[in-house]
Amino acid sequence: MQKNIGNTERVIRVVVGLAITSLAFVGPASPWAFLGLIPVATGLMGWCPPYAMLGINTCKK
């Protein structure tokens, strides 16, 4: 699994993912908010499966 997500995008994914996940505990408290864990995980790993399938790479070489 070679990294295919750049640093700026990784930070944005983690921040947005945590914001979405926080809705499970505050606000509407919907279990759908746990889908925010997906961008958090891909941001922390630096690898996105759909990007790999589509040949997208936002990392600087």
Protein backbone atom coordinates (compact mmCIF):
# COMPACT_ATOMS: atom_id res chain seq x y z
CA MET A 1 0.00 0.00 0.00
CA GLN A 2 1.90 2.99 -1.31
CA LYS A 3 0.72 6.37 -0.03
CA ASN A 4 -1.52 8.16 -2.51
CA ILE A 5 -2.84 11.07 -0.39
CA GLY A 6 -0.87 14.30 0.05
CA ASN A 7 -0.22 15.91 3.45
CA THR A 8 -2.73 18.75 3.05
CA GLU A 9 -5.49 16.37 2.03
CA ARG A 10 -4.62 14.04 4.92
CA VAL A 11 -5.07 16.85 7.46
CA ILE A 12 -8.36 17.90 5.88
CA ARG A 13 -9.66 14.31 5.89
CA VAL A 14 -8.81 13.83 9.58
CA VAL A 15 -10.36 17.14 10.67
CA VAL A 16 -13.55 16.66 8.64
CA GLY A 17 -13.81 13.00 9.68
CA LEU A 18 -13.53 13.89 13.36
CA ALA A 19 -16.14 16.62 12.93
CA ILE A 20 -18.55 14.16 11.32
CA THR A 21 -17.85 11.48 13.93
CA SER A 22 -18.45 13.97 16.77
CA LEU A 23 -22.07 14.19 15.59
CA ALA A 24 -22.57 10.67 16.96
CA PHE A 25 -22.09 12.06 20.46
CA VAL A 26 -23.27 15.67 20.14
CA GLY A 27 -26.14 17.05 18.11
CA PRO A 28 -28.47 14.72 16.19
CA ALA A 29 -26.72 11.60 17.58
CA SER A 30 -27.20 9.50 14.47
CA PRO A 31 -25.30 6.25 14.02
CA TRP A 32 -24.58 7.42 10.45
CA ALA A 33 -22.06 9.82 11.97
CA PHE A 34 -19.69 6.89 12.48
CA LEU A 35 -19.08 6.99 8.71
CA GLY A 36 -16.75 9.85 9.62
CA LEU A 37 -14.27 7.20 10.74
CA ILE A 38 -13.57 6.35 7.08
CA PRO A 39 -11.92 9.69 6.22
CA VAL A 40 -10.10 9.62 9.58
CA ALA A 41 -8.66 6.17 8.81
CA THR A 42 -7.66 7.02 5.24
CA GLY A 43 -6.11 10.30 6.42
CA LEU A 44 -4.07 8.58 9.10
CA MET A 45 -2.94 5.78 6.75
CA GLY A 46 -2.27 8.08 3.81
CA TRP A 47 -3.80 5.55 1.45
CA CYS A 48 -7.25 5.64 -0.14
CA PRO A 49 -8.57 2.48 -1.88
CA PRO A 50 -10.76 4.35 -4.43
CA TYR A 51 -7.78 6.54 -5.34
CA ALA A 52 -5.69 3.41 -5.89
CA MET A 53 -8.34 1.86 -8.16
CA LEU A 54 -8.72 5.07 -10.19
CA GLY A 55 -4.98 5.78 -10.38
CA ILE A 56 -5.22 9.09 -8.50
CA ASN A 57 -2.20 10.22 -6.51
CA THR A 58 -2.08 13.58 -4.69
CA CYS A 59 1.33 12.94 -3.08
CA LYS A 60 4.22 15.05 -4.19
CA LYS A 61 7.00 12.93 -5.61
